[in-house]
Amino acid sequence: MDRRAFMSGLTVGLLAAPLTAGAQPARRVWQVGLLDYGSPDAARLAWWRAFHDKLRELGYVEGQTVVFQPRWGHGQVSRLQGLATELVAARVDILVTAGHPAALAAKQATSSIPIVTANGPDPVELGLAETLARPGGNVTGMTSISSELSAKRLGLLKELIPHVSRMAALSDRAARGSALNVRDTEVAARSLGIALQSVAVRPDPKEYDAAFVAMKRDGAGAVIVVQSSAFFASYPRISDLALTHRLPSVGGSREYPEAGGLFSYGADYPDLFRRAATYVDKIFRGAKPADLPVEQPRKFELVINLKTAKALGLTIPPSLLQRADQVIDP
């Protein structure tokens, strides 16, 4: 199926047939609002495909027991509130969000409709939940951030470039979760004796260019690309700039090295979206979001791009290659 056909499928629904009869709650047509901070690029569509596939496994049939209403923010926080309000006005039964700005917009739009987050930073720090164990409101779901991720990424960079003493963190200026991630990265950097330069940008090509010039000027020896839905469409540009400026770089998901970045370490996002689908099913069966614990990632992936390593003149240690879940070697 080509991308155009798949995008069309997201609009009218993707689920074709149940796997088992009677697997879903009392027969009715559930209205599911999908609110994504990002754009419908190949990576995001694959994540949502995992969500749809899991619901199909659970017995939901598009057009018979479930209807999807997707909305895309295209990396613009200013669009999200209107989209969330639109979905609430459409009387959806549940909102499923991707990217924490989408979750914040959904929460602002409704305090009664259940909200399931498919990814995002700690919802407690964002004010979306009271605790991870008992959210206490109408928001629950998955968080794609665990406490050790920032330290792990820095440790992997340090293993690859032992003498690096200064790094830069490229983050999304418009996303509160990016600031939280940078904070965690700063803590991890201090523990490793690394000076960290924080560079916050809007998702704009001109700002990326200026950011990398500033990193190089200030002596950064590597770059951490802080995970943000707004960056996905620009991964090829970001990875190209990192290579042009001779800066080894790490991202938070496999899509970054697939676009040309050096490597990534982060949550298995399709797995998070599948688990979000199980939360939707639980809520349709009567569970309350307030009582469903927010879950952290269970699966993590290390993906290395050997072509980029060679272009940077880097030799990946065998011990690191052995730990990789995927090695891109065109």
C-alpha atoms as a PDB file:
ATOM      1  CA  MET A   1       0.000   0.000   0.000  1.00  0.00           C
ATOM      2  CA  ASP A   2       1.445   3.374  -0.915  1.00  0.00           C
ATOM      3  CA  ARG A   3       1.514   6.333   1.452  1.00  0.00           C
ATOM      4  CA  ARG A   4      -1.433   8.123  -0.180  1.00  0.00           C
ATOM      5  CA  ALA A   5      -3.622   5.058   0.153  1.00  0.00           C
ATOM      6  CA  PHE A   6      -2.553   4.577   3.775  1.00  0.00           C
ATOM      7  CA  MET A   7      -3.259   8.181   4.710  1.00  0.00           C
ATOM      8  CA  SER A   8      -6.676   7.852   3.151  1.00  0.00           C
ATOM      9  CA  GLY A   9      -7.178   4.720   5.197  1.00  0.00           C
ATOM     10  CA  LEU A  10      -6.427   6.609   8.385  1.00  0.00           C
ATOM     11  CA  THR A  11      -9.178   9.068   7.536  1.00  0.00           C
ATOM     12  CA  VAL A  12     -11.910   6.549   6.750  1.00  0.00           C
ATOM     13  CA  GLY A  13     -10.643   3.773   9.006  1.00  0.00           C
ATOM     14  CA  LEU A  14      -8.185   0.932   8.736  1.00  0.00           C
ATOM     15  CA  LEU A  15      -9.768  -1.969  10.510  1.00  0.00           C
ATOM     16  CA  ALA A  16     -11.287  -4.491   8.171  1.00  0.00           C
ATOM     17  CA  ALA A  17     -12.257  -7.622  10.100  1.00  0.00           C
ATOM     18  CA  PRO A  18     -12.431  -8.982  13.663  1.00  0.00           C
ATOM     19  CA  LEU A  19     -10.268 -11.925  14.610  1.00  0.00           C
ATOM     20  CA  THR A  20     -12.741 -13.385  17.068  1.00  0.00           C
ATOM     21  CA  ALA A  21     -16.475 -13.052  17.459  1.00  0.00           C
ATOM     22  CA  GLY A  22     -17.688 -11.324  20.596  1.00  0.00           C
ATOM     23  CA  ALA A  23     -14.220 -10.087  21.539  1.00  0.00           C
ATOM     24  CA  GLN A  24     -15.303  -6.491  22.062  1.00  0.00           C
ATOM     25  CA  PRO A  25     -17.657  -4.867  24.584  1.00  0.00           C
ATOM     26  CA  ALA A  26     -21.396  -4.442  24.006  1.00  0.00           C
ATOM     27  CA  ARG A  27     -21.981  -3.742  20.327  1.00  0.00           C
ATOM     28  CA  ARG A  28     -21.920  -0.047  19.506  1.00  0.00           C
ATOM     29  CA  VAL A  29     -19.867   2.195  17.293  1.00  0.00           C
ATOM     30  CA  TRP A  30     -17.084   3.779  19.346  1.00  0.00           C
ATOM     31  CA  GLN A  31     -15.813   7.142  18.151  1.00  0.00           C
ATOM     32  CA  VAL A  32     -12.038   7.405  18.610  1.00  0.00           C
ATOM     33  CA  GLY A  33     -10.286  10.747  18.183  1.00  0.00           C
ATOM     34  CA  LEU A  34      -6.606  10.530  17.231  1.00  0.00           C
ATOM     35  CA  LEU A  35      -4.617  13.703  17.913  1.00  0.00           C
ATOM     36  CA  ASP A  36      -0.989  13.758  16.781  1.00  0.00           C
ATOM     37  CA  TYR A  37       1.431  16.663  17.267  1.00  0.00           C
ATOM     38  CA  GLY A  38       3.425  15.514  14.247  1.00  0.00           C
ATOM     39  CA  SER A  39       2.804  15.037  10.535  1.00  0.00           C
ATOM     40  CA  PRO A  40       1.590  11.922   8.687  1.00  0.00           C
ATOM     41  CA  ASP A  41       5.071  10.859   7.604  1.00  0.00           C
ATOM     42  CA  ALA A  42       6.020   7.202   7.151  1.00  0.00           C
ATOM     43  CA  ALA A  43       7.214   6.762  10.736  1.00  0.00           C
ATOM     44  CA  ARG A  44       4.118   8.208  12.389  1.00  0.00           C
ATOM     45  CA  LEU A  45       1.833   6.241  10.108  1.00  0.00           C
ATOM     46  CA  ALA A  46       3.667   3.039  11.041  1.00  0.00           C
ATOM     47  CA  TRP A  47       3.142   3.777  14.733  1.00  0.00           C
ATOM     48  CA  TRP A  48      -0.567   4.352  14.217  1.00  0.00           C
ATOM     49  CA  ARG A  49      -0.713   1.210  12.092  1.00  0.00           C
ATOM     50  CA  ALA A  50       0.521  -0.729  15.151  1.00  0.00           C
ATOM     51  CA  PHE A  51      -2.281   0.868  17.204  1.00  0.00           C
ATOM     52  CA  HIS A  52      -4.927  -0.040  14.619  1.00  0.00           C
ATOM     53  CA  ASP A  53      -3.597  -3.576  14.224  1.00  0.00           C
ATOM     54  CA  LYS A  54      -3.759  -4.197  17.960  1.00  0.00           C
ATOM     55  CA  LEU A  55      -7.346  -2.989  18.144  1.00  0.00           C
ATOM     56  CA  ARG A  56      -8.193  -5.325  15.279  1.00  0.00           C
ATOM     57  CA  GLU A  57      -6.635  -8.192  17.234  1.00  0.00           C
ATOM     58  CA  LEU A  58      -8.883  -7.209  20.137  1.00  0.00           C
ATOM     59  CA  GLY A  59     -11.932  -7.624  17.888  1.00  0.00           C
ATOM     60  CA  TYR A  60     -12.829  -4.082  16.822  1.00  0.00           C
ATOM     61  CA  VAL A  61     -14.205  -3.640  13.322  1.00  0.00           C
ATOM     62  CA  GLU A  62     -13.930  -0.296  11.536  1.00  0.00           C
ATOM     63  CA  GLY A  63     -17.348   0.987  10.559  1.00  0.00           C
ATOM     64  CA  GLN A  64     -19.115  -1.548  12.747  1.00  0.00           C
ATOM     65  CA  THR A  65     -17.702  -1.138  16.243  1.00  0.00           C
ATOM     66  CA  VAL A  66     -15.189   1.681  15.859  1.00  0.00           C
ATOM     67  CA  VAL A  67     -14.668   4.828  13.790  1.00  0.00           C
ATOM     68  CA  PHE A  68     -11.406   6.820  13.804  1.00  0.00           C
ATOM     69  CA  GLN A  69     -11.159  10.573  13.515  1.00  0.00           C
ATOM     70  CA  PRO A  70      -7.464  11.521  12.992  1.00  0.00           C
ATOM     71  CA  ARG A  71      -6.118  15.048  13.343  1.00  0.00           C
ATOM     72  CA  TRP A  72      -2.525  16.163  12.668  1.00  0.00           C
ATOM     73  CA  GLY A  73      -0.751  19.138  14.244  1.00  0.00           C
ATOM     74  CA  HIS A  74       2.110  19.160  11.700  1.00  0.00           C
ATOM     75  CA  GLY A  75       4.527  20.204  14.433  1.00  0.00           C
ATOM     76  CA  GLN A  76       2.594  23.392  15.227  1.00  0.00           C
ATOM     77  CA  VAL A  77       1.478  23.682  18.832  1.00  0.00           C
ATOM     78  CA  SER A  78      -0.867  26.535  17.887  1.00  0.00           C
ATOM     79  CA  ARG A  79      -2.998  24.158  15.786  1.00  0.00           C
ATOM     80  CA  LEU A  80      -3.587  21.581  18.478  1.00  0.00           C
ATOM     81  CA  GLN A  81      -6.093  23.349  20.711  1.00  0.00           C
ATOM     82  CA  GLY A  82      -8.469  23.932  17.845  1.00  0.00           C
ATOM     83  CA  LEU A  83      -8.131  20.326  16.710  1.00  0.00           C
ATOM     84  CA  ALA A  84      -8.741  19.006  20.225  1.00  0.00           C
ATOM     85  CA  THR A  85     -11.810  21.219  20.614  1.00  0.00           C
ATOM     86  CA  GLU A  86     -13.042  19.987  17.246  1.00  0.00           C
ATOM     87  CA  LEU A  87     -12.783  16.361  18.349  1.00  0.00           C
ATOM     88  CA  VAL A  88     -14.577  17.076  21.622  1.00  0.00           C
ATOM     89  CA  ALA A  89     -17.363  18.814  19.691  1.00  0.00           C
ATOM     90  CA  ALA A  90     -17.607  15.709  17.501  1.00  0.00           C
ATOM     91  CA  ARG A  91     -18.470  13.783  20.688  1.00  0.00           C
ATOM     92  CA  VAL A  92     -15.723  11.224  20.463  1.00  0.00           C
ATOM     93  CA  ASP A  93     -15.781   8.562  23.160  1.00  0.00           C
ATOM     94  CA  ILE A  94     -12.030   8.678  23.728  1.00  0.00           C
ATOM     95  CA  LEU A  95      -8.998  10.721  22.683  1.00  0.00           C
ATOM     96  CA  VAL A  96      -5.670   9.038  21.882  1.00  0.00           C
ATOM     97  CA  THR A  97      -2.714  11.398  21.649  1.00  0.00           C
ATOM     98  CA  ALA A  98       0.823  11.257  20.262  1.00  0.00           C
ATOM     99  CA  GLY A  99       3.320  13.865  21.422  1.00  0.00           C
ATOM    100  CA  HIS A 100       2.862  15.618  24.742  1.00  0.00           C
ATOM    101  CA  PRO A 101       1.648  18.940  23.242  1.00  0.00           C
ATOM    102  CA  ALA A 102      -1.298  16.972  21.867  1.00  0.00           C
ATOM    103  CA  ALA A 103      -1.982  15.481  25.302  1.00  0.00           C
ATOM    104  CA  LEU A 104      -1.878  18.925  26.914  1.00  0.00           C
ATOM    105  CA  ALA A 105      -4.275  20.310  24.302  1.00  0.00           C
ATOM    106  CA  ALA A 106      -6.640  17.381  24.797  1.00  0.00           C
ATOM    107  CA  LYS A 107      -6.594  17.822  28.562  1.00  0.00           C
ATOM    108  CA  GLN A 108      -7.375  21.514  28.200  1.00  0.00           C
ATOM    109  CA  ALA A 109     -10.280  20.688  25.888  1.00  0.00           C
ATOM    110  CA  THR A 110     -11.969  18.158  28.169  1.00  0.00           C
ATOM    111  CA  SER A 111     -11.919  16.909  31.740  1.00  0.00           C
ATOM    112  CA  SER A 112     -14.513  14.189  31.157  1.00  0.00           C
ATOM    113  CA  ILE A 113     -13.634  12.343  27.936  1.00  0.00           C
ATOM    114  CA  PRO A 114     -10.956   9.687  28.594  1.00  0.00           C
ATOM    115  CA  ILE A 115      -7.524  10.495  27.146  1.00  0.00           C
ATOM    116  CA  VAL A 116      -4.921   7.818  26.406  1.00  0.00           C
ATOM    117  CA  THR A 117      -1.378   8.963  25.643  1.00  0.00           C
ATOM    118  CA  ALA A 118       0.511   6.729  23.212  1.00  0.00           C
ATOM    119  CA  ASN A 119       3.852   8.408  23.999  1.00  0.00           C
ATOM    120  CA  GLY A 120       5.341  11.479  25.639  1.00  0.00           C
ATOM    121  CA  PRO A 121       7.333  12.490  28.734  1.00  0.00           C
ATOM    122  CA  ASP A 122       6.354  12.025  32.368  1.00  0.00           C
ATOM    123  CA  PRO A 123       2.660  13.074  32.605  1.00  0.00           C
ATOM    124  CA  VAL A 124       3.080  13.863  36.301  1.00  0.00           C
ATOM    125  CA  GLU A 125       5.663  16.561  35.560  1.00  0.00           C
ATOM    126  CA  LEU A 126       3.409  17.938  32.847  1.00  0.00           C
ATOM    127  CA  GLY A 127       0.481  18.156  35.255  1.00  0.00           C
ATOM    128  CA  LEU A 128      -1.563  15.548  33.391  1.00  0.00           C
ATOM    129  CA  ALA A 129      -1.604  12.964  36.183  1.00  0.00           C
ATOM    130  CA  GLU A 130      -1.285  12.933  39.969  1.00  0.00           C
ATOM    131  CA  THR A 131       1.020   9.900  40.027  1.00  0.00           C
ATOM    132  CA  LEU A 132       2.046   7.233  37.536  1.00  0.00           C
ATOM    133  CA  ALA A 133       0.430   4.518  39.658  1.00  0.00           C
ATOM    134  CA  ARG A 134      -2.899   6.348  40.057  1.00  0.00           C
ATOM    135  CA  PRO A 135      -3.337   9.164  37.513  1.00  0.00           C
ATOM    136  CA  GLY A 136      -6.474  10.394  39.267  1.00  0.00           C
ATOM    137  CA  GLY A 137      -8.055  12.215  36.322  1.00  0.00           C
ATOM    138  CA  ASN A 138      -9.097  11.509  32.760  1.00  0.00           C
ATOM    139  CA  VAL A 139      -5.561  10.967  31.390  1.00  0.00           C
ATOM    140  CA  THR A 140      -3.593   7.714  31.371  1.00  0.00           C
ATOM    141  CA  GLY A 141      -1.610   5.638  28.891  1.00  0.00           C
ATOM    142  CA  MET A 142       2.040   5.341  27.930  1.00  0.00           C
ATOM    143  CA  THR A 143       5.112   7.463  28.567  1.00  0.00           C
ATOM    144  CA  SER A 144       8.040   7.026  26.171  1.00  0.00           C
ATOM    145  CA  ILE A 145      10.550   8.435  28.662  1.00  0.00           C
ATOM    146  CA  SER A 146      12.182   6.499  31.473  1.00  0.00           C
ATOM    147  CA  SER A 147      14.595   7.972  33.988  1.00  0.00           C
ATOM    148  CA  GLU A 148      17.687   6.240  32.615  1.00  0.00           C
ATOM    149  CA  LEU A 149      17.291   7.126  28.916  1.00  0.00           C
ATOM    150  CA  SER A 150      19.239  10.399  28.928  1.00  0.00           C
ATOM    151  CA  ALA A 151      22.137   8.853  30.832  1.00  0.00           C
ATOM    152  CA  LYS A 152      22.118   5.852  28.512  1.00  0.00           C
ATOM    153  CA  ARG A 153      22.351   7.984  25.356  1.00  0.00           C
ATOM    154  CA  LEU A 154      25.180  10.061  26.794  1.00  0.00           C
ATOM    155  CA  GLY A 155      26.962   6.936  27.933  1.00  0.00           C
ATOM    156  CA  LEU A 156      26.751   5.452  24.447  1.00  0.00           C
ATOM    157  CA  LEU A 157      28.162   8.654  22.928  1.00  0.00           C
ATOM    158  CA  LYS A 158      30.947   8.647  25.495  1.00  0.00           C
ATOM    159  CA  GLU A 159      31.713   5.021  24.654  1.00  0.00           C
ATOM    160  CA  LEU A 160      31.925   5.929  20.988  1.00  0.00           C
ATOM    161  CA  ILE A 161      33.903   9.153  21.520  1.00  0.00           C
ATOM    162  CA  PRO A 162      35.800   8.643  24.811  1.00  0.00           C
ATOM    163  CA  HIS A 163      37.530  12.022  24.835  1.00  0.00           C
ATOM    164  CA  VAL A 164      34.459  14.182  24.184  1.00  0.00           C
ATOM    165  CA  SER A 165      34.067  16.863  26.858  1.00  0.00           C
ATOM    166  CA  ARG A 166      31.359  19.080  25.385  1.00  0.00           C
ATOM    167  CA  MET A 167      28.054  18.174  23.730  1.00  0.00           C
ATOM    168  CA  ALA A 168      25.015  20.059  22.477  1.00  0.00           C
ATOM    169  CA  ALA A 169      21.337  19.189  22.991  1.00  0.00           C
ATOM    170  CA  LEU A 170      19.038  20.221  20.122  1.00  0.00           C
ATOM    171  CA  SER A 171      15.475  20.601  21.407  1.00  0.00           C
ATOM    172  CA  ASP A 172      12.037  21.809  20.345  1.00  0.00           C
ATOM    173  CA  ARG A 173      11.506  25.303  21.752  1.00  0.00           C
ATOM    174  CA  ALA A 174       7.707  24.994  21.639  1.00  0.00           C
ATOM    175  CA  ALA A 175       7.446  21.710  23.540  1.00  0.00           C
ATOM    176  CA  ARG A 176       7.544  21.655  27.353  1.00  0.00           C
ATOM    177  CA  GLY A 177       8.544  18.002  27.339  1.00  0.00           C
ATOM    178  CA  SER A 178      11.703  18.848  25.403  1.00  0.00           C
ATOM    179  CA  ALA A 179      12.770  21.175  28.201  1.00  0.00           C
ATOM    180  CA  LEU A 180      12.247  18.366  30.723  1.00  0.00           C
ATOM    181  CA  ASN A 181      14.348  16.047  28.580  1.00  0.00           C
ATOM    182  CA  VAL A 182      17.124  18.628  28.332  1.00  0.00           C
ATOM    183  CA  ARG A 183      17.069  19.003  32.114  1.00  0.00           C
ATOM    184  CA  ASP A 184      17.513  15.250  32.563  1.00  0.00           C
ATOM    185  CA  THR A 185      20.294  15.289  29.978  1.00  0.00           C
ATOM    186  CA  GLU A 186      22.079  18.088  31.834  1.00  0.00           C
ATOM    187  CA  VAL A 187      21.978  16.022  35.045  1.00  0.00           C
ATOM    188  CA  ALA A 188      23.401  13.000  33.230  1.00  0.00           C
ATOM    189  CA  ALA A 189      26.068  15.141  31.546  1.00  0.00           C
ATOM    190  CA  ARG A 190      27.307  16.526  34.876  1.00  0.00           C
ATOM    191  CA  SER A 191      27.689  13.010  36.239  1.00  0.00           C
ATOM    192  CA  LEU A 192      29.910  12.148  33.267  1.00  0.00           C
ATOM    193  CA  GLY A 193      31.931  15.373  33.436  1.00  0.00           C
ATOM    194  CA  ILE A 194      30.479  16.650  30.148  1.00  0.00           C
ATOM    195  CA  ALA A 195      29.579  20.286  29.496  1.00  0.00           C
ATOM    196  CA  LEU A 196      26.181  20.470  27.783  1.00  0.00           C
ATOM    197  CA  GLN A 197      25.115  23.304  25.490  1.00  0.00           C
ATOM    198  CA  SER A 198      21.321  23.615  25.196  1.00  0.00           C
ATOM    199  CA  VAL A 199      20.115  24.789  21.777  1.00  0.00           C
ATOM    200  CA  ALA A 200      16.335  25.211  21.491  1.00  0.00           C
ATOM    201  CA  VAL A 201      14.822  25.841  18.047  1.00  0.00           C
ATOM    202  CA  ARG A 202      11.532  25.969  16.226  1.00  0.00           C
ATOM    203  CA  PRO A 203      11.095  23.282  13.548  1.00  0.00           C
ATOM    204  CA  ASP A 204      12.375  25.570  10.793  1.00  0.00           C
ATOM    205  CA  PRO A 205      15.248  24.850   8.335  1.00  0.00           C
ATOM    206  CA  LYS A 206      16.841  28.259   8.919  1.00  0.00           C
ATOM    207  CA  GLU A 207      16.886  27.687  12.672  1.00  0.00           C
ATOM    208  CA  TYR A 208      18.486  24.272  12.236  1.00  0.00           C
ATOM    209  CA  ASP A 209      21.255  25.817  10.142  1.00  0.00           C
ATOM    210  CA  ALA A 210      21.948  28.524  12.716  1.00  0.00           C
ATOM    211  CA  ALA A 211      21.819  26.001  15.565  1.00  0.00           C
ATOM    212  CA  PHE A 212      24.543  23.810  14.087  1.00  0.00           C
ATOM    213  CA  VAL A 213      26.732  26.806  13.327  1.00  0.00           C
ATOM    214  CA  ALA A 214      26.409  27.805  17.016  1.00  0.00           C
ATOM    215  CA  MET A 215      27.178  24.281  18.222  1.00  0.00           C
ATOM    216  CA  LYS A 216      30.332  24.063  16.160  1.00  0.00           C
ATOM    217  CA  ARG A 217      31.423  27.577  17.105  1.00  0.00           C
ATOM    218  CA  ASP A 218      31.043  26.803  20.799  1.00  0.00           C
ATOM    219  CA  GLY A 219      33.080  23.619  20.588  1.00  0.00           C
ATOM    220  CA  ALA A 220      30.490  20.845  20.773  1.00  0.00           C
ATOM    221  CA  GLY A 221      31.944  17.440  19.989  1.00  0.00           C
ATOM    222  CA  ALA A 222      28.601  15.648  19.558  1.00  0.00           C
ATOM    223  CA  VAL A 223      24.855  16.350  19.406  1.00  0.00           C
ATOM    224  CA  ILE A 224      21.884  14.842  21.225  1.00  0.00           C
ATOM    225  CA  VAL A 225      18.715  15.356  19.159  1.00  0.00           C
ATOM    226  CA  VAL A 226      16.004  15.553  21.804  1.00  0.00           C
ATOM    227  CA  GLN A 227      12.933  13.568  20.794  1.00  0.00           C
ATOM    228  CA  SER A 228      10.089  15.723  19.442  1.00  0.00           C
ATOM    229  CA  SER A 229       7.275  14.987  17.028  1.00  0.00           C
ATOM    230  CA  ALA A 230       8.012  18.292  15.321  1.00  0.00           C
ATOM    231  CA  PHE A 231      11.503  17.098  14.351  1.00  0.00           C
ATOM    232  CA  PHE A 232      10.515  13.926  12.534  1.00  0.00           C
ATOM    233  CA  ALA A 233       9.923  15.437   9.120  1.00  0.00           C
ATOM    234  CA  SER A 234      13.265  17.260   9.434  1.00  0.00           C
ATOM    235  CA  TYR A 235      15.414  14.278  10.441  1.00  0.00           C
ATOM    236  CA  PRO A 236      17.081  14.108   6.992  1.00  0.00           C
ATOM    237  CA  ARG A 237      18.024  17.795   7.254  1.00  0.00           C
ATOM    238  CA  ILE A 238      19.210  17.516  10.865  1.00  0.00           C
ATOM    239  CA  SER A 239      21.305  14.426  10.175  1.00  0.00           C
ATOM    240  CA  ASP A 240      22.803  16.073   7.081  1.00  0.00           C
ATOM    241  CA  LEU A 241      23.791  19.144   9.104  1.00  0.00           C
ATOM    242  CA  ALA A 242      25.354  16.951  11.787  1.00  0.00           C
ATOM    243  CA  LEU A 243      27.428  15.217   9.114  1.00  0.00           C
ATOM    244  CA  THR A 244      28.364  18.467   7.395  1.00  0.00           C
ATOM    245  CA  HIS A 245      29.623  19.905  10.689  1.00  0.00           C
ATOM    246  CA  ARG A 246      31.364  16.626  11.573  1.00  0.00           C
ATOM    247  CA  LEU A 247      29.294  16.121  14.715  1.00  0.00           C
ATOM    248  CA  PRO A 248      28.350  12.591  15.803  1.00  0.00           C
ATOM    249  CA  SER A 249      24.688  12.635  16.753  1.00  0.00           C
ATOM    250  CA  VAL A 250      22.181  10.476  18.629  1.00  0.00           C
ATOM    251  CA  GLY A 251      18.391  10.523  18.406  1.00  0.00           C
ATOM    252  CA  GLY A 252      15.597   9.023  20.463  1.00  0.00           C
ATOM    253  CA  SER A 253      14.084   6.589  17.939  1.00  0.00           C
ATOM    254  CA  ARG A 254      15.155   4.411  15.029  1.00  0.00           C
ATOM    255  CA  GLU A 255      13.790   6.890  12.507  1.00  0.00           C
ATOM    256  CA  TYR A 256      16.771   9.162  13.178  1.00  0.00           C
ATOM    257  CA  PRO A 257      19.559   6.807  12.010  1.00  0.00           C
ATOM    258  CA  GLU A 258      17.262   5.605   9.238  1.00  0.00           C
ATOM    259  CA  ALA A 259      17.265   9.228   8.033  1.00  0.00           C
ATOM    260  CA  GLY A 260      21.069   9.419   8.193  1.00  0.00           C
ATOM    261  CA  GLY A 261      21.839  10.132  11.848  1.00  0.00           C
ATOM    262  CA  LEU A 262      24.654   8.207  13.519  1.00  0.00           C
ATOM    263  CA  PHE A 263      22.584   6.189  15.990  1.00  0.00           C
ATOM    264  CA  SER A 264      19.549   6.157  18.235  1.00  0.00           C
ATOM    265  CA  TYR A 265      18.591   4.726  21.576  1.00  0.00           C
ATOM    266  CA  GLY A 266      15.035   4.893  22.792  1.00  0.00           C
ATOM    267  CA  ALA A 267      11.690   3.242  23.312  1.00  0.00           C
ATOM    268  CA  ASP A 268      10.170   0.828  20.825  1.00  0.00           C
ATOM    269  CA  TYR A 269       7.393   3.172  19.685  1.00  0.00           C
ATOM    270  CA  PRO A 270       5.208   0.670  17.814  1.00  0.00           C
ATOM    271  CA  ASP A 271       5.126  -1.341  21.044  1.00  0.00           C
ATOM    272  CA  LEU A 272       3.933   1.728  22.967  1.00  0.00           C
ATOM    273  CA  PHE A 273       1.159   2.346  20.442  1.00  0.00           C
ATOM    274  CA  ARG A 274       0.051  -1.304  20.644  1.00  0.00           C
ATOM    275  CA  ARG A 275      -0.105  -1.034  24.417  1.00  0.00           C
ATOM    276  CA  ALA A 276      -2.099   2.203  24.115  1.00  0.00           C
ATOM    277  CA  ALA A 277      -4.667   0.237  22.117  1.00  0.00           C
ATOM    278  CA  THR A 278      -5.068  -2.190  25.035  1.00  0.00           C
ATOM    279  CA  TYR A 279      -5.834   0.797  27.280  1.00  0.00           C
ATOM    280  CA  VAL A 280      -8.518   1.954  24.861  1.00  0.00           C
ATOM    281  CA  ASP A 281     -10.041  -1.528  25.054  1.00  0.00           C
ATOM    282  CA  LYS A 282      -9.948  -1.523  28.870  1.00  0.00           C
ATOM    283  CA  ILE A 283     -11.696   1.849  29.014  1.00  0.00           C
ATOM    284  CA  PHE A 284     -14.361   0.723  26.547  1.00  0.00           C
ATOM    285  CA  ARG A 285     -14.942  -2.246  28.841  1.00  0.00           C
ATOM    286  CA  GLY A 286     -15.564   0.040  31.813  1.00  0.00           C
ATOM    287  CA  ALA A 287     -12.171   0.821  33.344  1.00  0.00           C
ATOM    288  CA  LYS A 288     -11.618   4.401  34.483  1.00  0.00           C
ATOM    289  CA  PRO A 289      -8.498   6.309  33.351  1.00  0.00           C
ATOM    290  CA  ALA A 290      -7.983   7.492  36.928  1.00  0.00           C
ATOM    291  CA  ASP A 291      -7.372   3.887  38.008  1.00  0.00           C
ATOM    292  CA  LEU A 292      -5.148   2.732  35.126  1.00  0.00           C
ATOM    293  CA  PRO A 293      -1.437   3.216  35.893  1.00  0.00           C
ATOM    294  CA  VAL A 294       0.652   5.107  33.361  1.00  0.00           C
ATOM    295  CA  GLU A 295       3.113   2.620  31.894  1.00  0.00           C
ATOM    296  CA  GLN A 296       6.758   3.207  30.998  1.00  0.00           C
ATOM    297  CA  PRO A 297       8.584   1.621  28.050  1.00  0.00           C
ATOM    298  CA  ARG A 298       9.371  -2.073  28.276  1.00  0.00           C
ATOM    299  CA  LYS A 299      11.320  -2.410  25.046  1.00  0.00           C
ATOM    300  CA  PHE A 300      14.270  -0.273  23.950  1.00  0.00           C
ATOM    301  CA  GLU A 301      16.173  -0.180  20.677  1.00  0.00           C
ATOM    302  CA  LEU A 302      19.748   0.665  19.751  1.00  0.00           C
ATOM    303  CA  VAL A 303      20.094   1.350  16.008  1.00  0.00           C
ATOM    304  CA  ILE A 304      23.435   2.289  14.418  1.00  0.00           C
ATOM    305  CA  ASN A 305      24.095   3.697  10.945  1.00  0.00           C
ATOM    306  CA  LEU A 306      27.486   2.369   9.824  1.00  0.00           C
ATOM    307  CA  LYS A 307      27.479   4.431   6.639  1.00  0.00           C
ATOM    308  CA  THR A 308      27.300   7.623   8.712  1.00  0.00           C
ATOM    309  CA  ALA A 309      29.969   6.342  11.097  1.00  0.00           C
ATOM    310  CA  LYS A 310      32.311   5.735   8.167  1.00  0.00           C
ATOM    311  CA  ALA A 311      31.575   9.199   6.733  1.00  0.00           C
ATOM    312  CA  LEU A 312      32.523  10.694  10.122  1.00  0.00           C
ATOM    313  CA  GLY A 313      35.686   8.611  10.275  1.00  0.00           C
ATOM    314  CA  LEU A 314      34.453   6.708  13.331  1.00  0.00           C
ATOM    315  CA  THR A 315      34.995   3.064  14.123  1.00  0.00           C
ATOM    316  CA  ILE A 316      32.116   1.558  16.066  1.00  0.00           C
ATOM    317  CA  PRO A 317      33.476  -0.670  18.880  1.00  0.00           C
ATOM    318  CA  PRO A 318      32.566  -4.353  18.353  1.00  0.00           C
ATOM    319  CA  SER A 319      31.003  -4.421  21.813  1.00  0.00           C
ATOM    320  CA  LEU A 320      28.581  -1.674  20.738  1.00  0.00           C
ATOM    321  CA  LEU A 321      27.744  -3.377  17.449  1.00  0.00           C
ATOM    322  CA  GLN A 322      26.958  -6.591  19.314  1.00  0.00           C
ATOM    323  CA  ARG A 323      24.455  -4.781  21.502  1.00  0.00           C
ATOM    324  CA  ALA A 324      22.697  -3.094  18.566  1.00  0.00           C
ATOM    325  CA  ASP A 325      19.168  -4.189  17.652  1.00  0.00           C
ATOM    326  CA  GLN A 326      19.793  -3.075  14.081  1.00  0.00           C
ATOM    327  CA  VAL A 327      22.876  -2.026  12.130  1.00  0.00           C
ATOM    328  CA  ILE A 328      22.232  -0.005   8.980  1.00  0.00           C
ATOM    329  CA  ASP A 329      24.981  -0.913   6.530  1.00  0.00           C
ATOM    330  CA  PRO A 330      23.921  -0.052   2.957  1.00  0.00           C
END
